[in-house]
Amino acid sequence: MGASRQLIDAVIGVADESLRGLGFTRRRYGSTIEVAPDVFGWVGLNRAVRRGDDKLLINPVLGVGHQAVEREVARRRGVKFHPYFPLTISAPLSQLARGPFSEFGTHYLFEGVREKKLERQVRKMVDTIATYAFPFFKAHSCLEALAVTLRLGDYGFPHQLVYRLPVALTLLGQDGDALDAVRSSVAELGDREDLAAQEFRAFAATFVSRGAAPEHRRTPS
């Protein structure tokens, strides 16, 4: 056995309550909060357990979802749009909290402690999440800032970001840069023939042949 169901339920229950107090709404995958029209912030509590020790590891992850970008990515890939998944960018809390003020490593550890002590520990975790989450959300609430971050590629998974960068650029009216980004990503695939590479080549071929202009262009704010 790993962490008991009682321990998991206690930790997640207090965390959900604390996040609701900050304005978050619980979703099937994580919790979300609106930060701008068509833009939401996301908190996920990734869990890990070890056999036999009744300990629970929580690795908080933060993300931002730009629904205009995600709608366009879904349309161009021919898949159904989901309003909250996948995220446009994401990062473990530990990545954002690096520096002299970081007081933790890559996870939080909870075990069979007294109820009040456990509650204090969970609320402290949520307080730390809030400290880094809201600035992260705000910094990426506009499409221009998002495009800069997508270019850097620091927050998220490369196999997902390659779709989102050109789409974000087209929504900003930067069609030439969007086409350059697609062609550059295709070149980086080299001779890869795995499924992810094949899917992106198909996306890229359609992107280039049909032109970069999206179905609904948004005027930058």
C-alpha atoms as a PDB file:
ATOM      1  CA  MET A   1       0.000   0.000   0.000  1.00  0.00           C
ATOM      2  CA  GLY A   2       1.062   3.584  -0.550  1.00  0.00           C
ATOM      3  CA  ALA A   3      -0.598   6.602   0.996  1.00  0.00           C
ATOM      4  CA  SER A   4      -3.936   5.747   2.552  1.00  0.00           C
ATOM      5  CA  ARG A   5      -7.121   6.991   0.926  1.00  0.00           C
ATOM      6  CA  GLN A   6      -7.819   8.832   4.173  1.00  0.00           C
ATOM      7  CA  LEU A   7      -4.557  10.774   3.911  1.00  0.00           C
ATOM      8  CA  ILE A   8      -5.075  11.568   0.215  1.00  0.00           C
ATOM      9  CA  ASP A   9      -8.649  12.725   0.781  1.00  0.00           C
ATOM     10  CA  ALA A  10      -7.612  14.871   3.754  1.00  0.00           C
ATOM     11  CA  VAL A  11      -4.819  16.633   1.870  1.00  0.00           C
ATOM     12  CA  ILE A  12      -6.782  17.191  -1.339  1.00  0.00           C
ATOM     13  CA  GLY A  13      -9.873  18.242   0.598  1.00  0.00           C
ATOM     14  CA  VAL A  14      -8.078  20.992   2.505  1.00  0.00           C
ATOM     15  CA  ALA A  15      -6.223  22.092  -0.638  1.00  0.00           C
ATOM     16  CA  ASP A  16      -9.445  22.331  -2.649  1.00  0.00           C
ATOM     17  CA  GLU A  17     -11.132  24.314   0.119  1.00  0.00           C
ATOM     18  CA  SER A  18      -8.188  26.724   0.311  1.00  0.00           C
ATOM     19  CA  LEU A  19      -8.090  27.181  -3.450  1.00  0.00           C
ATOM     20  CA  ARG A  20     -11.837  27.855  -3.544  1.00  0.00           C
ATOM     21  CA  GLY A  21     -11.247  30.571  -0.972  1.00  0.00           C
ATOM     22  CA  LEU A  22      -8.852  32.184  -3.451  1.00  0.00           C
ATOM     23  CA  GLY A  23     -11.461  32.107  -6.231  1.00  0.00           C
ATOM     24  CA  PHE A  24     -10.566  28.837  -7.974  1.00  0.00           C
ATOM     25  CA  THR A  25     -13.109  26.398  -9.375  1.00  0.00           C
ATOM     26  CA  ARG A  26     -12.468  22.675  -9.127  1.00  0.00           C
ATOM     27  CA  ARG A  27     -12.300  20.868 -12.481  1.00  0.00           C
ATOM     28  CA  ARG A  28     -11.806  17.244 -13.391  1.00  0.00           C
ATOM     29  CA  TYR A  29      -8.130  17.987 -13.880  1.00  0.00           C
ATOM     30  CA  GLY A  30      -6.951  20.628 -11.416  1.00  0.00           C
ATOM     31  CA  SER A  31      -8.521  23.966 -10.492  1.00  0.00           C
ATOM     32  CA  THR A  32      -8.977  27.077 -12.625  1.00  0.00           C
ATOM     33  CA  ILE A  33      -9.510  30.785 -12.162  1.00  0.00           C
ATOM     34  CA  GLU A  34     -10.311  33.429 -14.774  1.00  0.00           C
ATOM     35  CA  VAL A  35      -7.506  35.965 -15.141  1.00  0.00           C
ATOM     36  CA  ALA A  36      -8.701  37.763 -18.302  1.00  0.00           C
ATOM     37  CA  PRO A  37     -11.420  37.241 -20.916  1.00  0.00           C
ATOM     38  CA  ASP A  38     -10.813  33.842 -22.518  1.00  0.00           C
ATOM     39  CA  VAL A  39      -7.759  33.266 -20.312  1.00  0.00           C
ATOM     40  CA  PHE A  40      -7.572  31.147 -17.166  1.00  0.00           C
ATOM     41  CA  GLY A  41      -4.959  30.198 -14.613  1.00  0.00           C
ATOM     42  CA  TRP A  42      -4.660  26.582 -13.542  1.00  0.00           C
ATOM     43  CA  VAL A  43      -3.306  24.741 -10.500  1.00  0.00           C
ATOM     44  CA  GLY A  44      -2.714  21.005 -10.520  1.00  0.00           C
ATOM     45  CA  LEU A  45      -1.620  18.886  -7.564  1.00  0.00           C
ATOM     46  CA  ASN A  46       0.367  16.021  -9.011  1.00  0.00           C
ATOM     47  CA  ARG A  47       0.453  13.116  -6.563  1.00  0.00           C
ATOM     48  CA  ALA A  48       2.962  10.334  -5.981  1.00  0.00           C
ATOM     49  CA  VAL A  49       2.924   7.546  -3.422  1.00  0.00           C
ATOM     50  CA  ARG A  50       5.401   4.874  -2.369  1.00  0.00           C
ATOM     51  CA  ARG A  51       4.525   1.357  -1.378  1.00  0.00           C
ATOM     52  CA  GLY A  52       4.090   0.760   2.314  1.00  0.00           C
ATOM     53  CA  ASP A  53       5.130   4.101   3.776  1.00  0.00           C
ATOM     54  CA  ASP A  54       1.754   5.926   4.016  1.00  0.00           C
ATOM     55  CA  LYS A  55       3.346   9.097   2.673  1.00  0.00           C
ATOM     56  CA  LEU A  56       1.976  11.400   0.003  1.00  0.00           C
ATOM     57  CA  LEU A  57       4.108  13.570  -2.254  1.00  0.00           C
ATOM     58  CA  ILE A  58       2.496  16.591  -3.898  1.00  0.00           C
ATOM     59  CA  ASN A  59       4.188  18.376  -6.787  1.00  0.00           C
ATOM     60  CA  PRO A  60       2.126  21.506  -7.591  1.00  0.00           C
ATOM     61  CA  VAL A  61       2.028  22.565 -11.226  1.00  0.00           C
ATOM     62  CA  LEU A  62       0.846  25.940 -12.528  1.00  0.00           C
ATOM     63  CA  GLY A  63      -0.475  26.699 -15.969  1.00  0.00           C
ATOM     64  CA  VAL A  64      -2.185  29.238 -18.164  1.00  0.00           C
ATOM     65  CA  GLY A  65      -4.812  28.439 -20.772  1.00  0.00           C
ATOM     66  CA  HIS A  66      -5.446  30.870 -23.639  1.00  0.00           C
ATOM     67  CA  GLN A  67      -8.677  29.589 -25.055  1.00  0.00           C
ATOM     68  CA  ALA A  68      -8.380  31.523 -28.319  1.00  0.00           C
ATOM     69  CA  VAL A  69      -5.065  29.804 -28.960  1.00  0.00           C
ATOM     70  CA  GLU A  70      -6.409  26.414 -27.942  1.00  0.00           C
ATOM     71  CA  ARG A  71      -9.495  26.742 -30.143  1.00  0.00           C
ATOM     72  CA  GLU A  72      -7.320  27.549 -33.142  1.00  0.00           C
ATOM     73  CA  VAL A  73      -4.874  24.735 -32.397  1.00  0.00           C
ATOM     74  CA  ALA A  74      -7.771  22.288 -32.112  1.00  0.00           C
ATOM     75  CA  ARG A  75      -9.329  23.553 -35.359  1.00  0.00           C
ATOM     76  CA  ARG A  76      -6.095  23.250 -37.293  1.00  0.00           C
ATOM     77  CA  ARG A  77      -5.385  19.789 -35.911  1.00  0.00           C
ATOM     78  CA  GLY A  78      -8.922  18.591 -36.516  1.00  0.00           C
ATOM     79  CA  VAL A  79      -9.578  17.646 -32.898  1.00  0.00           C
ATOM     80  CA  LYS A  80     -12.321  18.588 -30.464  1.00  0.00           C
ATOM     81  CA  PHE A  81     -11.669  21.715 -28.420  1.00  0.00           C
ATOM     82  CA  HIS A  82     -11.713  21.273 -24.642  1.00  0.00           C
ATOM     83  CA  PRO A  83     -12.142  24.481 -22.605  1.00  0.00           C
ATOM     84  CA  TYR A  84      -9.618  23.560 -19.886  1.00  0.00           C
ATOM     85  CA  PHE A  85      -7.222  20.995 -21.291  1.00  0.00           C
ATOM     86  CA  PRO A  86      -4.505  20.951 -22.527  1.00  0.00           C
ATOM     87  CA  LEU A  87      -2.838  24.046 -21.109  1.00  0.00           C
ATOM     88  CA  THR A  88      -1.085  26.573 -23.309  1.00  0.00           C
ATOM     89  CA  ILE A  89       1.920  26.829 -20.977  1.00  0.00           C
ATOM     90  CA  SER A  90       2.717  25.138 -17.661  1.00  0.00           C
ATOM     91  CA  ALA A  91       5.488  24.823 -15.104  1.00  0.00           C
ATOM     92  CA  PRO A  92       6.125  23.019 -11.819  1.00  0.00           C
ATOM     93  CA  LEU A  93       5.891  25.353  -8.851  1.00  0.00           C
ATOM     94  CA  SER A  94       9.480  24.436  -7.971  1.00  0.00           C
ATOM     95  CA  GLN A  95      10.653  25.861 -11.303  1.00  0.00           C
ATOM     96  CA  LEU A  96       8.970  29.209 -10.660  1.00  0.00           C
ATOM     97  CA  ALA A  97      10.138  29.395  -7.042  1.00  0.00           C
ATOM     98  CA  ARG A  98      13.831  28.924  -7.696  1.00  0.00           C
ATOM     99  CA  GLY A  99      15.962  31.570  -6.048  1.00  0.00           C
ATOM    100  CA  PRO A 100      16.844  32.923  -2.599  1.00  0.00           C
ATOM    101  CA  PHE A 101      13.235  32.866  -1.362  1.00  0.00           C
ATOM    102  CA  SER A 102      12.523  29.232  -2.213  1.00  0.00           C
ATOM    103  CA  GLU A 103      11.917  27.162   0.943  1.00  0.00           C
ATOM    104  CA  PHE A 104      11.197  23.785  -0.637  1.00  0.00           C
ATOM    105  CA  GLY A 105      12.500  21.321  -3.173  1.00  0.00           C
ATOM    106  CA  THR A 106      10.468  19.697  -5.902  1.00  0.00           C
ATOM    107  CA  HIS A 107       7.573  18.457  -3.780  1.00  0.00           C
ATOM    108  CA  TYR A 108       5.670  18.609  -0.517  1.00  0.00           C
ATOM    109  CA  LEU A 109       5.606  15.570   1.725  1.00  0.00           C
ATOM    110  CA  PHE A 110       2.549  14.691   3.815  1.00  0.00           C
ATOM    111  CA  GLU A 111       2.232  11.716   6.133  1.00  0.00           C
ATOM    112  CA  GLY A 112       0.069  10.457   8.974  1.00  0.00           C
ATOM    113  CA  VAL A 113       0.218  13.542  11.150  1.00  0.00           C
ATOM    114  CA  ARG A 114      -2.351  15.029  13.491  1.00  0.00           C
ATOM    115  CA  GLU A 115      -5.366  16.572  11.780  1.00  0.00           C
ATOM    116  CA  LYS A 116      -4.621  20.197  12.753  1.00  0.00           C
ATOM    117  CA  LYS A 117      -0.967  19.890  11.844  1.00  0.00           C
ATOM    118  CA  LEU A 118      -1.834  18.376   8.467  1.00  0.00           C
ATOM    119  CA  GLU A 119      -4.296  21.198   7.787  1.00  0.00           C
ATOM    120  CA  ARG A 120      -1.648  23.814   8.587  1.00  0.00           C
ATOM    121  CA  GLN A 121       0.843  22.124   6.282  1.00  0.00           C
ATOM    122  CA  VAL A 122      -1.621  21.988   3.390  1.00  0.00           C
ATOM    123  CA  ARG A 123      -2.688  25.602   3.832  1.00  0.00           C
ATOM    124  CA  LYS A 124       0.960  26.660   3.875  1.00  0.00           C
ATOM    125  CA  MET A 125       1.444  24.841   0.581  1.00  0.00           C
ATOM    126  CA  VAL A 126      -1.546  26.641  -0.945  1.00  0.00           C
ATOM    127  CA  ASP A 127      -0.259  29.985   0.343  1.00  0.00           C
ATOM    128  CA  THR A 128       3.026  29.332  -1.456  1.00  0.00           C
ATOM    129  CA  ILE A 129       1.175  28.310  -4.603  1.00  0.00           C
ATOM    130  CA  ALA A 130      -0.755  31.601  -4.515  1.00  0.00           C
ATOM    131  CA  THR A 131       2.458  33.597  -4.031  1.00  0.00           C
ATOM    132  CA  TYR A 132       3.819  32.368  -7.345  1.00  0.00           C
ATOM    133  CA  ALA A 133       0.647  31.524  -9.252  1.00  0.00           C
ATOM    134  CA  PHE A 134      -0.993  34.914  -9.488  1.00  0.00           C
ATOM    135  CA  PRO A 135       2.103  36.767 -10.799  1.00  0.00           C
ATOM    136  CA  PHE A 136       2.641  33.912 -13.291  1.00  0.00           C
ATOM    137  CA  PHE A 137      -0.960  34.124 -14.457  1.00  0.00           C
ATOM    138  CA  LYS A 138      -0.885  37.912 -14.776  1.00  0.00           C
ATOM    139  CA  ALA A 139       2.428  37.915 -16.634  1.00  0.00           C
ATOM    140  CA  HIS A 140       0.932  35.674 -19.328  1.00  0.00           C
ATOM    141  CA  SER A 141      -2.596  37.043 -19.507  1.00  0.00           C
ATOM    142  CA  CYS A 142      -1.984  38.904 -22.782  1.00  0.00           C
ATOM    143  CA  LEU A 143      -1.215  37.234 -26.072  1.00  0.00           C
ATOM    144  CA  GLU A 144       1.906  39.307 -26.726  1.00  0.00           C
ATOM    145  CA  ALA A 145       3.572  38.119 -23.513  1.00  0.00           C
ATOM    146  CA  LEU A 146       2.456  34.568 -24.200  1.00  0.00           C
ATOM    147  CA  ALA A 147       4.101  34.596 -27.631  1.00  0.00           C
ATOM    148  CA  VAL A 148       7.391  35.731 -26.109  1.00  0.00           C
ATOM    149  CA  THR A 149       7.251  32.906 -23.574  1.00  0.00           C
ATOM    150  CA  LEU A 150       6.351  30.353 -26.234  1.00  0.00           C
ATOM    151  CA  ARG A 151       9.413  31.414 -28.225  1.00  0.00           C
ATOM    152  CA  LEU A 152      11.629  30.820 -25.193  1.00  0.00           C
ATOM    153  CA  GLY A 153      10.096  27.395 -24.638  1.00  0.00           C
ATOM    154  CA  ASP A 154      10.708  27.380 -20.878  1.00  0.00           C
ATOM    155  CA  TYR A 155       7.184  26.525 -19.734  1.00  0.00           C
ATOM    156  CA  GLY A 156       5.601  23.422 -21.163  1.00  0.00           C
ATOM    157  CA  PHE A 157       6.372  20.439 -23.354  1.00  0.00           C
ATOM    158  CA  PRO A 158       8.174  20.987 -26.671  1.00  0.00           C
ATOM    159  CA  HIS A 159       5.856  18.634 -28.581  1.00  0.00           C
ATOM    160  CA  GLN A 160       2.905  20.854 -27.560  1.00  0.00           C
ATOM    161  CA  LEU A 161       4.563  24.259 -27.757  1.00  0.00           C
ATOM    162  CA  VAL A 162       5.446  23.801 -31.434  1.00  0.00           C
ATOM    163  CA  TYR A 163       1.738  24.002 -32.256  1.00  0.00           C
ATOM    164  CA  ARG A 164       0.972  26.914 -29.970  1.00  0.00           C
ATOM    165  CA  LEU A 165       3.729  29.321 -30.988  1.00  0.00           C
ATOM    166  CA  PRO A 166       2.725  29.657 -34.669  1.00  0.00           C
ATOM    167  CA  VAL A 167      -0.957  29.855 -33.743  1.00  0.00           C
ATOM    168  CA  ALA A 168      -0.299  32.612 -31.187  1.00  0.00           C
ATOM    169  CA  LEU A 169       1.711  34.512 -33.787  1.00  0.00           C
ATOM    170  CA  THR A 170      -1.071  34.272 -36.358  1.00  0.00           C
ATOM    171  CA  LEU A 171      -3.575  35.615 -33.825  1.00  0.00           C
ATOM    172  CA  LEU A 172      -1.244  38.583 -33.395  1.00  0.00           C
ATOM    173  CA  GLY A 173      -1.122  39.126 -37.163  1.00  0.00           C
ATOM    174  CA  GLN A 174       2.498  37.972 -37.454  1.00  0.00           C
ATOM    175  CA  ASP A 175       1.907  35.518 -40.276  1.00  0.00           C
ATOM    176  CA  GLY A 176       5.457  35.582 -41.628  1.00  0.00           C
ATOM    177  CA  ASP A 177       6.912  34.801 -38.214  1.00  0.00           C
ATOM    178  CA  ALA A 178       4.333  32.043 -37.762  1.00  0.00           C
ATOM    179  CA  LEU A 179       5.351  30.367 -41.025  1.00  0.00           C
ATOM    180  CA  ASP A 180       9.025  30.701 -40.085  1.00  0.00           C
ATOM    181  CA  ALA A 181       8.311  29.052 -36.730  1.00  0.00           C
ATOM    182  CA  VAL A 182       6.535  26.121 -38.392  1.00  0.00           C
ATOM    183  CA  ARG A 183       9.309  25.590 -40.931  1.00  0.00           C
ATOM    184  CA  SER A 184      11.963  25.793 -38.216  1.00  0.00           C
ATOM    185  CA  SER A 185      10.148  23.181 -36.124  1.00  0.00           C
ATOM    186  CA  VAL A 186       9.858  20.868 -39.126  1.00  0.00           C
ATOM    187  CA  ALA A 187      13.585  21.225 -39.775  1.00  0.00           C
ATOM    188  CA  GLU A 188      14.336  20.338 -36.156  1.00  0.00           C
ATOM    189  CA  LEU A 189      12.482  17.039 -36.573  1.00  0.00           C
ATOM    190  CA  GLY A 190      15.259  15.836 -38.852  1.00  0.00           C
ATOM    191  CA  ASP A 191      14.621  12.258 -39.914  1.00  0.00           C
ATOM    192  CA  ARG A 192      12.266  11.432 -37.048  1.00  0.00           C
ATOM    193  CA  GLU A 193       9.353   9.220 -38.098  1.00  0.00           C
ATOM    194  CA  ASP A 194       7.592   8.679 -34.758  1.00  0.00           C
ATOM    195  CA  LEU A 195       3.897   9.457 -34.413  1.00  0.00           C
ATOM    196  CA  ALA A 196       4.439  12.907 -32.874  1.00  0.00           C
ATOM    197  CA  ALA A 197       6.722  13.876 -35.766  1.00  0.00           C
ATOM    198  CA  GLN A 198       4.252  12.615 -38.362  1.00  0.00           C
ATOM    199  CA  GLU A 199       1.392  14.533 -36.746  1.00  0.00           C
ATOM    200  CA  PHE A 200       3.338  17.763 -36.670  1.00  0.00           C
ATOM    201  CA  ARG A 201       4.453  17.410 -40.289  1.00  0.00           C
ATOM    202  CA  ALA A 202       0.808  17.003 -41.275  1.00  0.00           C
ATOM    203  CA  PHE A 203      -0.122  20.089 -39.274  1.00  0.00           C
ATOM    204  CA  ALA A 204       2.768  22.038 -40.804  1.00  0.00           C
ATOM    205  CA  ALA A 205       1.895  21.039 -44.371  1.00  0.00           C
ATOM    206  CA  THR A 206      -1.666  22.261 -43.929  1.00  0.00           C
ATOM    207  CA  PHE A 207      -0.506  25.383 -42.115  1.00  0.00           C
ATOM    208  CA  VAL A 208       1.821  26.359 -44.968  1.00  0.00           C
ATOM    209  CA  SER A 209      -0.446  25.340 -47.855  1.00  0.00           C
ATOM    210  CA  ARG A 210      -3.549  27.093 -46.538  1.00  0.00           C
ATOM    211  CA  GLY A 211      -1.761  30.155 -45.244  1.00  0.00           C
ATOM    212  CA  ALA A 212      -1.186  31.248 -41.677  1.00  0.00           C
ATOM    213  CA  ALA A 213      -4.278  33.423 -41.216  1.00  0.00           C
ATOM    214  CA  PRO A 214      -6.539  32.015 -38.482  1.00  0.00           C
ATOM    215  CA  GLU A 215     -10.283  31.678 -38.654  1.00  0.00           C
ATOM    216  CA  HIS A 216     -10.704  34.547 -36.174  1.00  0.00           C
ATOM    217  CA  ARG A 217      -7.839  37.014 -35.886  1.00  0.00           C
ATOM    218  CA  ARG A 218      -7.624  38.941 -32.629  1.00  0.00           C
ATOM    219  CA  THR A 219      -6.395  42.506 -32.592  1.00  0.00           C
ATOM    220  CA  PRO A 220      -3.505  42.817 -30.083  1.00  0.00           C
ATOM    221  CA  SER A 221      -4.357  44.864 -27.009  1.00  0.00           C
END
